[in-house]
Amino acid sequence: MNDQMKAVIKELPDKPPRSRLEPYKEFIEELRRRGRTYKDIASVLAEKFSIHVTPAGVHDFVRRRRPANSKPRPEGHEGTPSWVIRPVESTPVVTSDTQMFKFDPDEPLRLTKPTKP
């Protein structure tokens, strides 16, 4: 970029924020860090600052200001509880030694009455 272009850029005034939530950005981020929902944040903004915004509006504001290199947490994230990332075991549970059905390829499948021990 040459000197003339740099001079033009310096002369241009800063563009004002487009969102009315911009002055509350740090406040909203802190509430999110503390686990508040978008609905809670919208309620606090309405009650304390007379800013009426929907929970979806707060969500959109937060999402648009997320750093470009920041992605939603992956499933295997360190902070994710271990029960979320463990696969479900597919071993069948056998409750008794009795046979619940008998398979004959020439016959339809029929349930049999379990025998009492």
N, C-alpha and C. Protein backbone atom coordinates (compact mmCIF):
# COMPACT_ATOMS: atom_id res chain seq x y z
N MET A 1 0.86 -1.16 0.00
CA MET A 1 0.00 0.00 0.00
C MET A 1 0.92 1.23 0.00
N ASN A 2 0.61 2.15 -0.87
CA ASN A 2 1.48 3.34 -0.96
C ASN A 2 1.06 4.40 0.06
N ASP A 3 1.86 5.45 0.14
CA ASP A 3 1.66 6.50 1.15
C ASP A 3 0.33 7.23 0.97
N GLN A 4 -0.08 7.43 -0.29
CA GLN A 4 -1.34 8.14 -0.54
C GLN A 4 -2.52 7.33 0.01
N MET A 5 -2.50 6.02 -0.19
CA MET A 5 -3.59 5.17 0.32
C MET A 5 -3.61 5.17 1.84
N LYS A 6 -2.44 5.12 2.46
CA LYS A 6 -2.37 5.15 3.91
C LYS A 6 -2.92 6.47 4.47
N ALA A 7 -2.64 7.57 3.77
CA ALA A 7 -3.14 8.88 4.19
C ALA A 7 -4.66 8.92 4.12
N VAL A 8 -5.23 8.35 3.05
CA VAL A 8 -6.70 8.33 2.90
C VAL A 8 -7.32 7.52 4.03
N ILE A 9 -6.71 6.38 4.36
CA ILE A 9 -7.24 5.53 5.43
C ILE A 9 -7.21 6.27 6.76
N LYS A 10 -6.15 7.00 7.03
CA LYS A 10 -6.04 7.75 8.28
C LYS A 10 -7.09 8.85 8.38
N GLU A 11 -7.49 9.43 7.25
CA GLU A 11 -8.47 10.52 7.23
C GLU A 11 -9.89 10.02 7.48
N LEU A 12 -10.15 8.78 7.12
CA LEU A 12 -11.51 8.25 7.27
C LEU A 12 -11.83 8.04 8.75
N PRO A 13 -13.02 8.45 9.18
CA PRO A 13 -13.39 8.23 10.59
C PRO A 13 -13.72 6.75 10.82
N ASP A 14 -13.59 6.32 12.07
CA ASP A 14 -13.95 4.95 12.42
C ASP A 14 -15.45 4.77 12.21
N LYS A 15 -15.80 3.61 11.73
CA LYS A 15 -17.20 3.30 11.49
C LYS A 15 -17.85 2.95 12.83
N PRO A 16 -19.00 3.54 13.13
CA PRO A 16 -19.65 3.23 14.42
C PRO A 16 -20.15 1.79 14.42
N PRO A 17 -20.25 1.18 15.59
CA PRO A 17 -20.73 -0.21 15.67
C PRO A 17 -22.15 -0.31 15.15
N ARG A 18 -22.45 -1.42 14.49
CA ARG A 18 -23.77 -1.61 13.91
C ARG A 18 -24.76 -2.17 14.93
N SER A 19 -24.25 -2.82 15.95
CA SER A 19 -25.12 -3.45 16.93
C SER A 19 -25.26 -2.60 18.18
N ARG A 20 -26.47 -2.54 18.70
CA ARG A 20 -26.67 -1.81 19.96
C ARG A 20 -26.11 -2.58 21.14
N LEU A 21 -25.73 -3.84 20.92
CA LEU A 21 -25.14 -4.65 21.98
C LEU A 21 -23.62 -4.46 22.08
N GLU A 22 -23.03 -3.80 21.11
CA GLU A 22 -21.57 -3.63 21.09
C GLU A 22 -21.02 -3.04 22.39
N PRO A 23 -21.65 -2.01 22.98
CA PRO A 23 -21.12 -1.49 24.25
C PRO A 23 -21.17 -2.50 25.40
N TYR A 24 -21.96 -3.55 25.26
CA TYR A 24 -22.14 -4.55 26.31
C TYR A 24 -21.40 -5.85 26.00
N LYS A 25 -20.50 -5.81 25.02
CA LYS A 25 -19.82 -7.02 24.55
C LYS A 25 -19.10 -7.75 25.69
N GLU A 26 -18.27 -7.05 26.44
CA GLU A 26 -17.52 -7.69 27.53
C GLU A 26 -18.46 -8.22 28.61
N PHE A 27 -19.53 -7.47 28.89
CA PHE A 27 -20.52 -7.88 29.88
C PHE A 27 -21.17 -9.20 29.46
N ILE A 28 -21.57 -9.27 28.19
CA ILE A 28 -22.22 -10.48 27.66
C ILE A 28 -21.24 -11.65 27.68
N GLU A 29 -19.99 -11.41 27.28
CA GLU A 29 -18.99 -12.48 27.29
C GLU A 29 -18.77 -13.02 28.71
N GLU A 30 -18.75 -12.13 29.67
CA GLU A 30 -18.55 -12.57 31.06
C GLU A 30 -19.75 -13.39 31.55
N LEU A 31 -20.94 -12.96 31.20
CA LEU A 31 -22.13 -13.74 31.59
C LEU A 31 -22.11 -15.13 30.95
N ARG A 32 -21.66 -15.21 29.69
CA ARG A 32 -21.56 -16.51 29.03
C ARG A 32 -20.52 -17.39 29.72
N ARG A 33 -19.39 -16.79 30.12
CA ARG A 33 -18.36 -17.56 30.82
C ARG A 33 -18.89 -18.10 32.15
N ARG A 34 -19.82 -17.37 32.73
CA ARG A 34 -20.41 -17.80 34.00
C ARG A 34 -21.59 -18.75 33.81
N GLY A 35 -21.82 -19.16 32.58
CA GLY A 35 -22.83 -20.18 32.31
C GLY A 35 -24.24 -19.66 32.12
N ARG A 36 -24.41 -18.37 31.94
CA ARG A 36 -25.76 -17.82 31.73
C ARG A 36 -26.25 -18.14 30.33
N THR A 37 -27.53 -18.42 30.22
CA THR A 37 -28.13 -18.71 28.91
C THR A 37 -28.39 -17.41 28.18
N TYR A 38 -28.65 -17.52 26.88
CA TYR A 38 -28.96 -16.34 26.08
C TYR A 38 -30.26 -15.70 26.58
N LYS A 39 -31.18 -16.51 27.04
CA LYS A 39 -32.43 -15.99 27.58
C LYS A 39 -32.17 -15.19 28.85
N ASP A 40 -31.30 -15.71 29.73
CA ASP A 40 -30.94 -14.99 30.95
C ASP A 40 -30.30 -13.64 30.61
N ILE A 41 -29.38 -13.66 29.65
CA ILE A 41 -28.67 -12.43 29.27
C ILE A 41 -29.65 -11.41 28.70
N ALA A 42 -30.58 -11.86 27.86
CA ALA A 42 -31.57 -10.94 27.29
C ALA A 42 -32.42 -10.34 28.41
N SER A 43 -32.76 -11.13 29.41
CA SER A 43 -33.56 -10.63 30.54
C SER A 43 -32.79 -9.58 31.35
N VAL A 44 -31.50 -9.87 31.61
CA VAL A 44 -30.68 -8.93 32.38
C VAL A 44 -30.52 -7.61 31.61
N LEU A 45 -30.28 -7.70 30.32
CA LEU A 45 -30.13 -6.48 29.51
C LEU A 45 -31.41 -5.65 29.53
N ALA A 46 -32.55 -6.32 29.46
CA ALA A 46 -33.82 -5.60 29.48
C ALA A 46 -34.08 -4.96 30.84
N GLU A 47 -33.82 -5.73 31.90
CA GLU A 47 -34.12 -5.26 33.25
C GLU A 47 -33.15 -4.16 33.72
N LYS A 48 -31.87 -4.35 33.51
CA LYS A 48 -30.86 -3.44 34.06
C LYS A 48 -30.48 -2.29 33.14
N PHE A 49 -30.57 -2.51 31.81
CA PHE A 49 -30.09 -1.50 30.87
C PHE A 49 -31.15 -1.02 29.89
N SER A 50 -32.38 -1.53 29.99
CA SER A 50 -33.48 -1.18 29.09
C SER A 50 -33.13 -1.46 27.62
N ILE A 51 -32.37 -2.51 27.40
CA ILE A 51 -32.04 -2.96 26.04
C ILE A 51 -32.91 -4.18 25.77
N HIS A 52 -33.87 -4.04 24.87
CA HIS A 52 -34.77 -5.15 24.58
C HIS A 52 -34.25 -5.90 23.36
N VAL A 53 -33.86 -7.14 23.60
CA VAL A 53 -33.31 -7.99 22.55
C VAL A 53 -33.77 -9.42 22.83
N THR A 54 -33.95 -10.19 21.78
CA THR A 54 -34.37 -11.58 21.95
C THR A 54 -33.17 -12.44 22.29
N PRO A 55 -33.41 -13.60 22.90
CA PRO A 55 -32.29 -14.53 23.14
C PRO A 55 -31.57 -14.90 21.84
N ALA A 56 -32.31 -15.03 20.75
CA ALA A 56 -31.68 -15.34 19.46
C ALA A 56 -30.79 -14.18 19.01
N GLY A 57 -31.19 -12.96 19.31
CA GLY A 57 -30.37 -11.80 18.97
C GLY A 57 -29.06 -11.79 19.74
N VAL A 58 -29.11 -12.17 21.02
CA VAL A 58 -27.90 -12.26 21.82
C VAL A 58 -27.00 -13.36 21.26
N HIS A 59 -27.61 -14.49 20.91
CA HIS A 59 -26.84 -15.60 20.33
C HIS A 59 -26.13 -15.17 19.05
N ASP A 60 -26.86 -14.51 18.16
CA ASP A 60 -26.27 -14.06 16.90
C ASP A 60 -25.12 -13.09 17.16
N PHE A 61 -25.30 -12.19 18.12
CA PHE A 61 -24.26 -11.23 18.47
C PHE A 61 -22.99 -11.96 18.93
N VAL A 62 -23.15 -12.93 19.82
CA VAL A 62 -22.01 -13.67 20.35
C VAL A 62 -21.35 -14.48 19.23
N ARG A 63 -22.15 -15.13 18.42
CA ARG A 63 -21.61 -15.98 17.35
C ARG A 63 -20.82 -15.16 16.34
N ARG A 64 -21.30 -13.99 15.97
CA ARG A 64 -20.61 -13.16 14.97
C ARG A 64 -19.31 -12.59 15.50
N ARG A 65 -19.18 -12.46 16.80
CA ARG A 65 -17.97 -11.89 17.37
C ARG A 65 -16.99 -12.94 17.86
N ARG A 66 -17.32 -14.20 17.65
CA ARG A 66 -16.39 -15.28 17.99
C ARG A 66 -15.18 -15.16 17.07
N PRO A 67 -13.97 -15.29 17.60
CA PRO A 67 -12.78 -15.21 16.75
C PRO A 67 -12.85 -16.22 15.61
N ALA A 68 -12.31 -15.84 14.46
CA ALA A 68 -12.40 -16.68 13.27
C ALA A 68 -11.75 -18.04 13.47
N ASN A 69 -10.67 -18.09 14.25
CA ASN A 69 -9.99 -19.36 14.46
C ASN A 69 -10.62 -20.19 15.56
N SER A 70 -11.62 -19.63 16.25
CA SER A 70 -12.29 -20.35 17.32
C SER A 70 -13.45 -21.15 16.74
N LYS A 71 -13.48 -22.42 17.09
CA LYS A 71 -14.55 -23.28 16.61
C LYS A 71 -15.31 -23.80 17.82
N PRO A 72 -16.54 -24.26 17.62
CA PRO A 72 -17.26 -24.87 18.74
C PRO A 72 -16.44 -26.02 19.31
N ARG A 73 -16.63 -26.27 20.61
CA ARG A 73 -15.84 -27.30 21.28
C ARG A 73 -16.06 -28.66 20.62
N PRO A 74 -14.97 -29.36 20.31
CA PRO A 74 -15.13 -30.71 19.76
C PRO A 74 -15.62 -31.67 20.84
N GLU A 75 -16.12 -32.80 20.41
CA GLU A 75 -16.69 -33.76 21.36
C GLU A 75 -15.67 -34.29 22.35
N GLY A 76 -14.41 -34.42 21.93
CA GLY A 76 -13.38 -34.96 22.81
C GLY A 76 -12.66 -33.90 23.60
N HIS A 77 -13.25 -32.73 23.78
CA HIS A 77 -12.61 -31.62 24.49
C HIS A 77 -12.33 -32.00 25.94
N GLU A 78 -11.24 -31.47 26.49
CA GLU A 78 -10.83 -31.80 27.85
C GLU A 78 -11.93 -31.54 28.88
N GLY A 79 -12.70 -30.48 28.68
CA GLY A 79 -13.72 -30.12 29.65
C GLY A 79 -14.99 -30.94 29.52
N THR A 80 -15.10 -31.75 28.48
CA THR A 80 -16.29 -32.55 28.28
C THR A 80 -16.28 -33.74 29.23
N PRO A 81 -17.39 -34.00 29.91
CA PRO A 81 -17.42 -35.14 30.82
C PRO A 81 -17.10 -36.45 30.10
N SER A 82 -16.46 -37.36 30.79
CA SER A 82 -16.02 -38.61 30.16
C SER A 82 -17.20 -39.45 29.67
N TRP A 83 -18.35 -39.33 30.32
CA TRP A 83 -19.49 -40.15 29.89
C TRP A 83 -20.01 -39.72 28.52
N VAL A 84 -19.67 -38.52 28.09
CA VAL A 84 -20.14 -38.05 26.78
C VAL A 84 -19.33 -38.68 25.66
N ILE A 85 -18.03 -38.88 25.87
CA ILE A 85 -17.18 -39.33 24.79
C ILE A 85 -16.95 -40.83 24.76
N ARG A 86 -17.37 -41.54 25.80
CA ARG A 86 -17.21 -42.99 25.80
C ARG A 86 -18.24 -43.62 24.88
N PRO A 87 -17.85 -44.59 24.05
CA PRO A 87 -18.84 -45.27 23.21
C PRO A 87 -19.72 -46.18 24.06
N VAL A 88 -20.92 -46.36 23.62
CA VAL A 88 -21.83 -47.26 24.31
C VAL A 88 -21.43 -48.69 23.97
N GLU A 89 -21.30 -49.50 24.99
CA GLU A 89 -20.93 -50.89 24.75
C GLU A 89 -22.11 -51.62 24.15
N SER A 90 -21.83 -52.43 23.15
CA SER A 90 -22.92 -53.12 22.45
C SER A 90 -23.03 -54.58 22.83
N THR A 91 -22.46 -54.97 23.95
CA THR A 91 -22.56 -56.35 24.41
C THR A 91 -23.97 -56.59 24.94
N PRO A 92 -24.65 -57.59 24.42
CA PRO A 92 -26.01 -57.83 24.90
C PRO A 92 -26.00 -58.33 26.35
N VAL A 93 -27.02 -57.96 27.07
CA VAL A 93 -27.17 -58.39 28.46
C VAL A 93 -28.07 -59.60 28.48
N VAL A 94 -27.57 -60.69 29.06
CA VAL A 94 -28.35 -61.91 29.17
C VAL A 94 -28.85 -62.00 30.60
N THR A 95 -30.17 -62.09 30.76
CA THR A 95 -30.74 -62.10 32.10
C THR A 95 -30.98 -63.50 32.64
N SER A 96 -31.09 -64.47 31.76
CA SER A 96 -31.31 -65.84 32.25
C SER A 96 -30.74 -66.83 31.25
N ASP A 97 -30.69 -68.06 31.65
CA ASP A 97 -30.15 -69.11 30.77
C ASP A 97 -31.23 -69.69 29.87
N THR A 98 -32.48 -69.30 30.06
CA THR A 98 -33.55 -69.87 29.25
C THR A 98 -33.53 -69.26 27.87
N GLN A 99 -33.95 -70.04 26.91
CA GLN A 99 -33.97 -69.58 25.53
C GLN A 99 -35.32 -68.90 25.28
N MET A 100 -35.26 -67.65 24.82
CA MET A 100 -36.50 -66.89 24.61
C MET A 100 -37.17 -67.23 23.28
N PHE A 101 -36.40 -67.66 22.31
CA PHE A 101 -37.01 -68.06 21.05
C PHE A 101 -36.17 -69.16 20.41
N LYS A 102 -36.79 -69.85 19.49
CA LYS A 102 -36.12 -70.93 18.79
C LYS A 102 -36.13 -70.55 17.31
N PHE A 103 -34.97 -70.65 16.66
CA PHE A 103 -34.87 -70.26 15.27
C PHE A 103 -34.87 -71.49 14.38
N ASP A 104 -35.79 -71.50 13.45
CA ASP A 104 -35.83 -72.53 12.42
C ASP A 104 -36.01 -71.79 11.11
N PRO A 105 -35.06 -71.90 10.18
CA PRO A 105 -35.16 -71.12 8.94
C PRO A 105 -36.40 -71.44 8.11
N ASP A 106 -37.01 -72.59 8.33
CA ASP A 106 -38.20 -72.95 7.57
C ASP A 106 -39.49 -72.52 8.25
N GLU A 107 -39.41 -72.04 9.47
CA GLU A 107 -40.58 -71.66 10.25
C GLU A 107 -40.52 -70.19 10.61
N PRO A 108 -41.68 -69.55 10.83
CA PRO A 108 -41.66 -68.17 11.31
C PRO A 108 -41.13 -68.13 12.75
N LEU A 109 -40.64 -67.01 13.14
CA LEU A 109 -40.10 -66.84 14.49
C LEU A 109 -41.25 -66.80 15.49
N ARG A 110 -41.16 -67.62 16.55
CA ARG A 110 -42.20 -67.66 17.57
C ARG A 110 -41.56 -67.56 18.93
N LEU A 111 -42.15 -66.77 19.80
CA LEU A 111 -41.68 -66.68 21.17
C LEU A 111 -42.12 -67.92 21.93
N THR A 112 -41.25 -68.36 22.82
CA THR A 112 -41.61 -69.50 23.68
C THR A 112 -41.79 -68.99 25.10
N LYS A 113 -42.59 -69.68 25.86
CA LYS A 113 -42.80 -69.30 27.24
C LYS A 113 -41.56 -69.67 28.05
N PRO A 114 -41.04 -68.72 28.85
CA PRO A 114 -39.88 -69.07 29.67
C PRO A 114 -40.26 -70.07 30.74
N THR A 115 -39.34 -70.96 30.99
CA THR A 115 -39.58 -71.97 32.03
C THR A 115 -39.14 -71.40 33.37
N LYS A 116 -39.89 -71.73 34.41
CA LYS A 116 -39.55 -71.25 35.74
C LYS A 116 -38.53 -72.18 36.37
N PRO A 117 -37.50 -71.63 37.00
CA PRO A 117 -36.48 -72.50 37.63
C PRO A 117 -36.97 -73.18 38.86
